[in-house]
Amino acid sequence: MSTHDKAKFTVSGPGTPDGPSLPAPGQSQTPAAIDLGTVEDGKVRFGNWKGDADKPSPPPPAPSAPDQRVGFAVIGLGRLALEQILPAFNACKDARVTALVSGSPDKARAVAKQYGIDEQSVYSYAEMSRLADNADVQAVYVVTPNGLHLEHVSAAAQAGKHVLCEKPMANTADEARQMIDACAKAGVKLMIAYRCQFEVFNSEATRRVQSGKLGRARVIEATNAQVQGSGEQWRLRAALAGGGALPDIGLYCLNGVRHVLGEEPVEVYAQIVNPAADERYREVEETIAFMLRFPSGAIANCAASYGAHESKDMRIRLEKGWIDVENAFAYKGQRMRIAHREGDIEQVDEPRLEFKDQFMLEIDHFARCVRDGSEPDTPGEEGLRDQVLMEALYRSAREGRPVRLDE
């Protein structure tokens, strides 16, 4: 095209390829309210700038000021603490790490340096009573092996610190009761870290089931499996773990089903299978399958295994549809599909929810409970109920029969 031809197609004005026109001299250039936002209760809020066809943007983060966040001592610096929990504190809005407790001094010093924690706030397990003198610590997160939870929760409570404790709560229901009593006597809060109850897809599945729009739940299938490696792991030692696949990963199925339905089972039945001649499973179970029967008539079929390829899914069959949550019990990678009738056809939807770190969500929830004086959603009594149910499941497997909970 010649220069003469180009000139014929040159157009100017607002919104043209030549760019927007500049405002006239003296014309106001102040942004509109939709761009400026407003301040409400100390938080900045913006109006929706998107059209009706797109979902609105979430509100901007509104973290508490650093000196208003609840200070936590992380007790135990194993894989879970270093790979998931401590990184989650970086995303927290209401909590921060202010101290560490570990039996490995070199590791504790290295981690303290990474997270900017004063070496004076690094303690051994034998020094936990000194937490009472650290005003920067209001709560602890216990991330030690199950068999040590009673000892460490009791020590933290005696030091006057609120307690967030990893699941399973303990090795036995009796230990769980002692933990509840120790925290009640000390006047501190106790929460069990059921992270999946805070995960966004699990929460959405629970909301939809309990809304009743798809009718009553009739059958739930929950599976948590992974292939276990070295037999030297503490998870394969009964004194530290309390059991094998059931308390470690099967608990997610047990607690997840209870949470989704919002009711307690009245009868349980279980079977355990261990591979022959595998020394790793002399003390604990490799695979357990169990059934839970609920007052509403719903039945849950659950399985947990240390010997099957990784699978962490929950499937809920209701009267008017079904809900599948893929990777329901994993740290990330969740997907949800929902089937229901739409006119004369069956429609399958896939809601897309924004990822949020479930460890961050549970930690911030407990921090707000500590700060506001409210009760946590997953208190010690929630952990105790699961301990009672797991003992009933083990009894069922030993005796080869269903066990009613009123027994």
Protein backbone atom coordinates (compact mmCIF):
# COMPACT_ATOMS: atom_id res chain seq x y z
CA MET A 1 0.00 0.00 0.00
CA SER A 2 1.42 3.38 -1.01
CA THR A 3 1.86 6.36 1.32
CA HIS A 4 -1.02 8.02 -0.49
CA ASP A 5 -3.24 4.95 0.10
CA LYS A 6 -2.29 4.79 3.81
CA ALA A 7 -3.28 8.38 4.26
CA LYS A 8 -6.76 7.66 3.00
CA PHE A 9 -7.28 5.09 5.78
CA THR A 10 -5.84 7.17 8.64
CA VAL A 11 -8.47 7.87 11.29
CA SER A 12 -8.06 9.74 14.56
CA GLY A 13 -10.09 10.14 17.72
CA PRO A 14 -10.83 8.29 20.96
CA GLY A 15 -10.48 4.52 20.79
CA THR A 16 -8.70 4.53 17.39
CA PRO A 17 -5.35 2.89 16.54
CA ASP A 18 -3.73 6.28 17.03
CA GLY A 19 -4.52 5.97 20.79
CA PRO A 20 -6.85 7.80 23.17
CA SER A 21 -7.28 11.51 22.91
CA LEU A 22 -5.75 13.60 25.71
CA PRO A 23 -8.03 15.49 28.09
CA ALA A 24 -8.56 19.16 27.38
CA PRO A 25 -6.60 21.62 29.55
CA GLY A 26 -8.29 22.00 32.95
CA GLN A 27 -10.34 18.81 32.55
CA SER A 28 -10.34 16.65 35.73
CA GLN A 29 -8.04 13.61 35.72
CA THR A 30 -9.12 12.25 39.13
CA PRO A 31 -9.84 8.48 39.02
CA ALA A 32 -13.44 7.38 39.51
CA ALA A 33 -14.62 5.81 42.77
CA ILE A 34 -14.60 2.34 41.19
CA ASP A 35 -10.82 2.68 40.77
CA LEU A 36 -10.09 4.44 44.05
CA GLY A 37 -11.99 2.05 46.30
CA THR A 38 -13.25 2.74 49.81
CA VAL A 39 -12.06 1.95 53.33
CA GLU A 40 -14.46 -0.07 55.49
CA ASP A 41 -13.51 -1.29 58.97
CA GLY A 42 -9.86 -0.65 58.20
CA LYS A 43 -9.95 -2.68 54.96
CA VAL A 44 -9.78 -1.41 51.39
CA ARG A 45 -12.67 -2.49 49.19
CA PHE A 46 -13.19 -2.03 45.45
CA GLY A 47 -16.39 -2.20 43.45
CA ASN A 48 -16.67 -4.86 40.77
CA TRP A 49 -14.90 -3.64 37.65
CA LYS A 50 -15.77 -6.69 35.54
CA GLY A 51 -18.78 -7.29 33.37
CA ASP A 52 -21.63 -9.57 34.40
CA ALA A 53 -20.28 -12.48 32.33
CA ASP A 54 -17.12 -12.84 34.48
CA LYS A 55 -16.84 -13.62 38.18
CA PRO A 56 -15.89 -10.63 40.38
CA SER A 57 -12.34 -10.30 41.64
CA PRO A 58 -11.80 -11.32 45.27
CA PRO A 59 -11.16 -8.52 47.77
CA PRO A 60 -7.52 -7.53 48.27
CA PRO A 61 -5.62 -9.22 51.12
CA ALA A 62 -6.08 -7.51 54.47
CA PRO A 63 -3.37 -8.90 56.76
CA SER A 64 -3.13 -7.92 60.39
CA ALA A 65 -0.21 -5.72 61.33
CA PRO A 66 2.82 -7.81 62.35
CA ASP A 67 2.53 -6.84 66.02
CA GLN A 68 -1.14 -7.88 66.02
CA ARG A 69 -0.54 -11.40 64.66
CA VAL A 70 -0.60 -14.32 67.08
CA GLY A 71 2.91 -15.64 67.74
CA PHE A 72 3.38 -19.41 67.39
CA ALA A 73 6.09 -21.79 68.51
CA VAL A 74 6.36 -24.71 66.08
CA ILE A 75 7.11 -27.87 68.05
CA GLY A 76 8.87 -30.46 65.92
CA LEU A 77 10.85 -29.79 62.74
CA GLY A 78 10.18 -32.87 60.64
CA ARG A 79 9.12 -33.04 57.00
CA LEU A 80 5.57 -31.78 57.53
CA ALA A 81 6.74 -28.76 59.51
CA LEU A 82 9.50 -27.81 57.08
CA GLU A 83 7.75 -28.66 53.80
CA GLN A 84 4.22 -27.44 54.54
CA ILE A 85 3.60 -25.71 57.86
CA LEU A 86 6.44 -23.21 58.12
CA PRO A 87 6.01 -22.09 54.47
CA ALA A 88 2.28 -21.67 55.17
CA PHE A 89 3.05 -19.16 57.92
CA ASN A 90 4.52 -16.90 55.22
CA ALA A 91 1.04 -16.65 53.70
CA CYS A 92 -0.80 -16.21 57.01
CA LYS A 93 -2.58 -12.93 57.72
CA ASP A 94 -3.16 -13.41 61.46
CA ALA A 95 -0.27 -15.60 62.61
CA ARG A 96 3.53 -15.60 62.63
CA VAL A 97 6.29 -17.93 63.80
CA THR A 98 8.14 -16.57 66.81
CA ALA A 99 9.81 -19.67 68.30
CA LEU A 100 10.93 -23.22 67.49
CA VAL A 101 11.17 -26.39 69.58
CA SER A 102 13.32 -29.26 68.33
CA GLY A 103 15.50 -32.11 69.49
CA SER A 104 18.06 -31.31 66.77
CA PRO A 105 20.03 -28.16 67.72
CA ASP A 106 21.82 -27.81 64.38
CA LYS A 107 18.60 -28.14 62.41
CA ALA A 108 16.79 -25.73 64.73
CA ARG A 109 19.49 -23.08 64.34
CA ALA A 110 19.44 -23.43 60.55
CA VAL A 111 15.65 -23.12 60.38
CA ALA A 112 15.64 -20.19 62.81
CA LYS A 113 18.05 -18.34 60.56
CA GLN A 114 15.92 -19.04 57.49
CA TYR A 115 12.78 -17.66 59.14
CA GLY A 116 14.36 -14.78 61.06
CA ILE A 117 13.72 -16.27 64.50
CA ASP A 118 15.93 -15.13 67.37
CA GLU A 119 18.19 -17.92 68.63
CA GLN A 120 17.00 -17.10 72.16
CA SER A 121 13.56 -18.36 71.02
CA VAL A 122 14.85 -21.79 70.02
CA TYR A 123 14.20 -24.49 72.63
CA SER A 124 14.78 -28.20 73.16
CA TYR A 125 11.88 -30.42 74.21
CA ALA A 126 13.25 -30.46 77.77
CA GLU A 127 13.08 -26.65 77.81
CA MET A 128 9.43 -26.28 76.84
CA SER A 129 8.55 -24.88 80.27
CA ARG A 130 10.60 -21.80 79.32
CA LEU A 131 7.94 -20.92 76.75
CA ALA A 132 6.01 -19.45 79.66
CA ASP A 133 8.55 -16.61 79.80
CA ASN A 134 8.32 -15.77 76.09
CA ALA A 135 5.66 -13.09 75.63
CA ASP A 136 6.02 -13.34 71.83
CA VAL A 137 4.53 -16.84 71.93
CA GLN A 138 0.78 -17.05 72.48
CA ALA A 139 0.22 -20.46 70.87
CA VAL A 140 2.05 -23.59 69.74
CA TYR A 141 1.65 -25.91 66.78
CA VAL A 142 2.54 -29.48 67.80
CA VAL A 143 3.96 -31.37 64.81
CA THR A 144 5.67 -34.31 66.53
CA PRO A 145 4.89 -38.05 66.18
CA ASN A 146 1.46 -39.09 67.47
CA GLY A 147 2.77 -40.93 70.51
CA LEU A 148 4.41 -37.72 71.78
CA HIS A 149 1.37 -35.46 71.45
CA LEU A 150 0.14 -35.97 75.02
CA GLU A 151 3.53 -35.03 76.47
CA HIS A 152 4.00 -31.96 74.28
CA VAL A 153 0.43 -30.69 74.46
CA SER A 154 0.49 -31.00 78.25
CA ALA A 155 3.81 -29.14 78.48
CA ALA A 156 2.55 -26.32 76.26
CA ALA A 157 -0.66 -26.03 78.27
CA GLN A 158 1.31 -25.87 81.53
CA ALA A 159 3.33 -23.03 79.98
CA GLY A 160 0.05 -21.18 79.41
CA LYS A 161 0.06 -21.47 75.60
CA HIS A 162 -2.90 -22.27 73.37
CA VAL A 163 -2.43 -25.49 71.39
CA LEU A 164 -2.93 -26.43 67.74
CA CYS A 165 -2.07 -30.14 67.48
CA GLU A 166 -1.59 -32.26 64.38
CA LYS A 167 -3.87 -35.19 63.66
CA PRO A 168 -4.33 -37.89 64.77
CA MET A 169 -4.81 -36.32 68.16
CA ALA A 170 -3.07 -39.12 70.07
CA ASN A 171 -2.45 -42.87 70.14
CA THR A 172 -5.55 -43.64 72.20
CA ALA A 173 -8.85 -42.13 73.24
CA ASP A 174 -7.64 -42.07 76.85
CA GLU A 175 -4.64 -39.94 75.85
CA ALA A 176 -6.97 -37.61 73.95
CA ARG A 177 -9.10 -37.15 77.08
CA GLN A 178 -6.00 -36.32 79.10
CA MET A 179 -5.02 -33.68 76.53
CA ILE A 180 -8.47 -32.08 76.68
CA ASP A 181 -8.34 -32.07 80.49
CA ALA A 182 -4.81 -30.57 80.55
CA CYS A 183 -5.83 -27.68 78.30
CA ALA A 184 -9.08 -27.08 80.19
CA LYS A 185 -7.25 -27.03 83.52
CA ALA A 186 -4.72 -24.53 82.14
CA GLY A 187 -7.45 -22.37 80.59
CA VAL A 188 -6.02 -22.60 77.06
CA LYS A 189 -7.65 -23.50 73.76
CA LEU A 190 -7.05 -26.83 72.02
CA MET A 191 -7.61 -27.34 68.29
CA ILE A 192 -6.84 -30.42 66.17
CA ALA A 193 -5.35 -29.66 62.76
CA TYR A 194 -7.95 -31.15 60.42
CA ARG A 195 -6.69 -29.17 57.43
CA CYS A 196 -9.13 -30.71 54.96
CA GLN A 197 -12.08 -29.16 56.80
CA PHE A 198 -10.64 -25.77 55.76
CA GLU A 199 -9.67 -26.74 52.18
CA VAL A 200 -11.93 -24.91 49.69
CA PHE A 201 -13.14 -27.91 47.63
CA ASN A 202 -13.91 -30.00 50.72
CA SER A 203 -15.74 -27.03 52.20
CA GLU A 204 -17.76 -26.56 49.03
CA ALA A 205 -18.66 -30.26 48.89
CA THR A 206 -19.82 -30.09 52.50
CA ARG A 207 -21.90 -27.00 51.79
CA ARG A 208 -23.61 -28.60 48.81
CA VAL A 209 -24.34 -31.90 50.56
CA GLN A 210 -25.77 -30.22 53.64
CA SER A 211 -27.82 -27.74 51.58
CA GLY A 212 -30.10 -30.63 50.59
CA LYS A 213 -30.42 -29.47 46.97
CA LEU A 214 -29.20 -32.83 45.70
CA GLY A 215 -31.27 -34.79 48.20
CA ARG A 216 -29.88 -37.05 50.90
CA ALA A 217 -26.45 -38.65 50.67
CA ARG A 218 -26.78 -42.43 50.34
CA VAL A 219 -23.29 -43.79 49.61
CA ILE A 220 -19.86 -42.21 50.07
CA GLU A 221 -16.59 -43.70 48.88
CA ALA A 222 -13.39 -42.33 50.39
CA THR A 223 -9.92 -43.66 49.62
CA ASN A 224 -6.49 -42.57 50.80
CA ALA A 225 -3.57 -44.63 49.55
CA GLN A 226 0.16 -44.23 49.06
CA VAL A 227 3.13 -46.54 48.70
CA GLN A 228 5.23 -46.55 51.85
CA GLY A 229 9.01 -46.84 51.66
CA SER A 230 11.62 -47.54 54.33
CA GLY A 231 10.57 -49.51 57.39
CA GLU A 232 12.69 -47.25 59.59
CA GLN A 233 10.05 -44.48 59.51
CA TRP A 234 8.35 -43.61 62.80
CA ARG A 235 4.97 -44.15 61.12
CA LEU A 236 5.65 -47.90 61.14
CA ARG A 237 6.45 -48.04 64.87
CA ALA A 238 3.35 -48.63 66.98
CA ALA A 239 4.64 -46.77 70.06
CA LEU A 240 5.06 -43.55 68.06
CA ALA A 241 2.26 -43.91 65.49
CA GLY A 242 -0.46 -45.74 67.40
CA GLY A 243 -1.29 -47.70 64.24
CA GLY A 244 -0.54 -47.80 60.55
CA ALA A 245 -2.58 -46.67 57.57
CA LEU A 246 -5.73 -45.97 59.63
CA PRO A 247 -4.54 -43.16 61.95
CA ASP A 248 -2.09 -41.74 59.44
CA ILE A 249 -4.09 -41.50 56.20
CA GLY A 250 -7.34 -43.39 56.81
CA LEU A 251 -8.26 -40.73 59.36
CA TYR A 252 -8.80 -38.28 56.49
CA CYS A 253 -11.50 -40.60 55.11
CA LEU A 254 -13.07 -41.07 58.54
CA ASN A 255 -13.10 -37.41 59.48
CA GLY A 256 -13.92 -36.25 55.95
CA VAL A 257 -17.06 -38.39 55.75
CA ARG A 258 -18.22 -37.28 59.20
CA HIS A 259 -17.66 -33.65 58.28
CA VAL A 260 -19.44 -33.83 54.92
CA LEU A 261 -22.51 -35.51 56.39
CA GLY A 262 -22.56 -33.56 59.64
CA GLU A 263 -23.50 -36.65 61.66
CA GLU A 264 -21.89 -39.42 63.65
CA PRO A 265 -21.83 -43.12 62.67
CA VAL A 266 -23.82 -45.62 64.72
CA GLU A 267 -22.03 -48.74 63.50
CA VAL A 268 -18.62 -49.56 62.02
CA TYR A 269 -17.05 -52.60 60.37
CA ALA A 270 -13.42 -53.09 59.33
CA GLN A 271 -11.00 -55.59 57.84
CA ILE A 272 -7.20 -55.41 57.86
CA VAL A 273 -4.82 -57.08 55.40
CA ASN A 274 -1.04 -57.17 55.79
CA PRO A 275 1.35 -58.55 53.16
CA ALA A 276 2.98 -61.82 54.17
CA ALA A 277 6.64 -61.71 55.22
CA ASP A 278 6.90 -57.90 55.04
CA GLU A 279 8.82 -56.93 58.17
CA ARG A 280 7.60 -53.33 57.94
CA TYR A 281 4.15 -54.38 59.10
CA ARG A 282 4.98 -56.40 62.19
CA GLU A 283 3.50 -53.70 64.44
CA VAL A 284 1.04 -51.75 62.29
CA GLU A 285 -1.40 -52.41 59.46
CA GLU A 286 -0.63 -51.86 55.78
CA THR A 287 -4.21 -51.85 54.43
CA ILE A 288 -7.59 -51.34 56.07
CA ALA A 289 -11.06 -51.20 54.53
CA PHE A 290 -13.95 -50.02 56.67
CA MET A 291 -17.63 -49.18 56.50
CA LEU A 292 -19.53 -46.57 58.52
CA ARG A 293 -23.31 -46.59 58.90
CA PHE A 294 -25.05 -43.32 59.82
CA PRO A 295 -28.44 -42.56 61.41
CA SER A 296 -29.69 -40.98 58.18
CA GLY A 297 -29.16 -44.28 56.37
CA ALA A 298 -26.04 -43.14 54.56
CA ILE A 299 -23.22 -45.66 54.24
CA ALA A 300 -19.56 -44.78 53.78
CA ASN A 301 -17.13 -47.27 52.27
CA CYS A 302 -13.56 -46.21 53.07
CA ALA A 303 -10.10 -47.64 52.47
CA ALA A 304 -6.56 -46.67 53.40
CA SER A 305 -3.39 -48.38 52.29
CA TYR A 306 0.37 -48.02 52.49
CA GLY A 307 0.71 -50.44 49.58
CA ALA A 308 -1.34 -48.92 46.74
CA HIS A 309 -0.48 -46.19 44.26
CA GLU A 310 -1.35 -42.70 45.46
CA SER A 311 -5.08 -41.97 45.42
CA LYS A 312 -6.84 -39.49 47.71
CA ASP A 313 -10.40 -39.14 46.44
CA MET A 314 -13.92 -38.81 47.83
CA ARG A 315 -17.11 -39.60 45.91
CA ILE A 316 -20.56 -38.77 47.27
CA ARG A 317 -23.69 -40.39 45.77
CA LEU A 318 -26.89 -38.50 46.57
CA GLU A 319 -30.54 -38.92 45.64
CA LYS A 320 -30.46 -36.26 42.91
CA GLY A 321 -26.85 -36.28 41.77
CA TRP A 322 -23.28 -37.02 42.72
CA ILE A 323 -20.19 -35.07 43.79
CA ASP A 324 -16.65 -36.24 43.11
CA VAL A 325 -13.68 -34.53 44.77
CA GLU A 326 -10.40 -35.59 43.21
CA ASN A 327 -7.34 -35.31 45.48
CA ALA A 328 -9.70 -34.45 48.33
CA PHE A 329 -7.08 -35.34 50.96
CA ALA A 330 -3.98 -34.07 49.15
CA TYR A 331 -2.11 -30.83 49.82
CA LYS A 332 -3.10 -29.46 46.42
CA GLY A 333 -4.48 -30.49 43.02
CA GLN A 334 -8.16 -30.73 44.03
CA ARG A 335 -10.86 -30.89 41.35
CA MET A 336 -14.61 -31.24 41.72
CA ARG A 337 -17.31 -32.57 39.42
CA ILE A 338 -21.02 -32.38 40.20
CA ALA A 339 -23.71 -34.29 38.28
CA HIS A 340 -27.40 -33.43 38.34
CA ARG A 341 -30.44 -33.49 36.09
CA GLU A 342 -31.02 -30.46 33.91
CA GLY A 343 -34.34 -30.91 32.12
CA ASP A 344 -34.16 -34.16 30.15
CA ILE A 345 -30.39 -34.49 30.32
CA GLU A 346 -27.77 -35.16 32.96
CA GLN A 347 -25.39 -32.27 33.35
CA VAL A 348 -21.90 -32.53 34.83
CA ASP A 349 -20.43 -29.28 36.15
CA GLU A 350 -16.86 -28.59 37.23
CA PRO A 351 -16.66 -25.66 39.65
CA ARG A 352 -13.32 -23.85 39.56
CA LEU A 353 -12.33 -22.53 42.96
CA GLU A 354 -9.37 -20.32 43.78
CA PHE A 355 -6.53 -22.24 45.44
CA LYS A 356 -5.87 -21.37 49.08
CA ASP A 357 -3.25 -23.08 51.22
CA GLN A 358 -5.23 -25.24 53.64
CA PHE A 359 -2.49 -25.08 56.29
CA MET A 360 -2.63 -21.28 56.13
CA LEU A 361 -6.42 -21.37 56.48
CA GLU A 362 -6.37 -23.60 59.56
CA ILE A 363 -3.53 -21.66 61.24
CA ASP A 364 -5.22 -18.30 60.68
CA HIS A 365 -8.51 -19.71 61.95
CA PHE A 366 -6.89 -20.76 65.21
CA ALA A 367 -5.02 -17.45 65.48
CA ARG A 368 -8.33 -15.57 65.25
CA CYS A 369 -9.83 -17.85 67.91
CA VAL A 370 -6.91 -17.07 70.22
CA ARG A 371 -7.14 -13.35 69.53
CA ASP A 372 -10.95 -13.08 69.68
CA GLY A 373 -11.66 -15.65 72.37
CA SER A 374 -13.88 -17.76 70.09
CA GLU A 375 -13.98 -21.56 69.96
CA PRO A 376 -12.18 -23.40 67.11
CA ASP A 377 -14.16 -25.35 64.53
CA THR A 378 -12.15 -28.51 65.24
CA PRO A 379 -11.64 -28.61 69.03
CA GLY A 380 -10.13 -31.43 71.04
CA GLU A 381 -13.53 -33.11 71.27
CA GLU A 382 -13.48 -33.55 67.48
CA GLY A 383 -10.18 -35.39 67.73
CA LEU A 384 -11.48 -37.51 70.61
CA ARG A 385 -14.48 -38.64 68.54
CA ASP A 386 -12.15 -39.92 65.83
CA GLN A 387 -9.99 -41.73 68.40
CA VAL A 388 -13.07 -43.50 69.76
CA LEU A 389 -14.13 -44.47 66.24
CA MET A 390 -10.67 -45.77 65.33
CA GLU A 391 -10.63 -47.94 68.44
CA ALA A 392 -14.02 -49.34 67.40
CA LEU A 393 -12.66 -50.04 63.91
CA TYR A 394 -9.66 -51.91 65.30
CA ARG A 395 -11.99 -53.88 67.56
CA SER A 396 -14.16 -54.77 64.59
CA ALA A 397 -11.14 -55.99 62.63
CA ARG A 398 -9.93 -58.10 65.58
CA GLU A 399 -13.32 -59.67 66.26
CA GLY A 400 -14.44 -59.96 62.64
CA ARG A 401 -17.84 -58.37 63.20
CA PRO A 402 -19.62 -55.01 63.04
CA VAL A 403 -19.35 -52.89 66.19
CA ARG A 404 -22.16 -50.61 67.30
CA LEU A 405 -21.03 -47.37 68.87
CA ASP A 406 -23.45 -47.79 71.78
CA GLU A 407 -21.46 -50.86 72.82
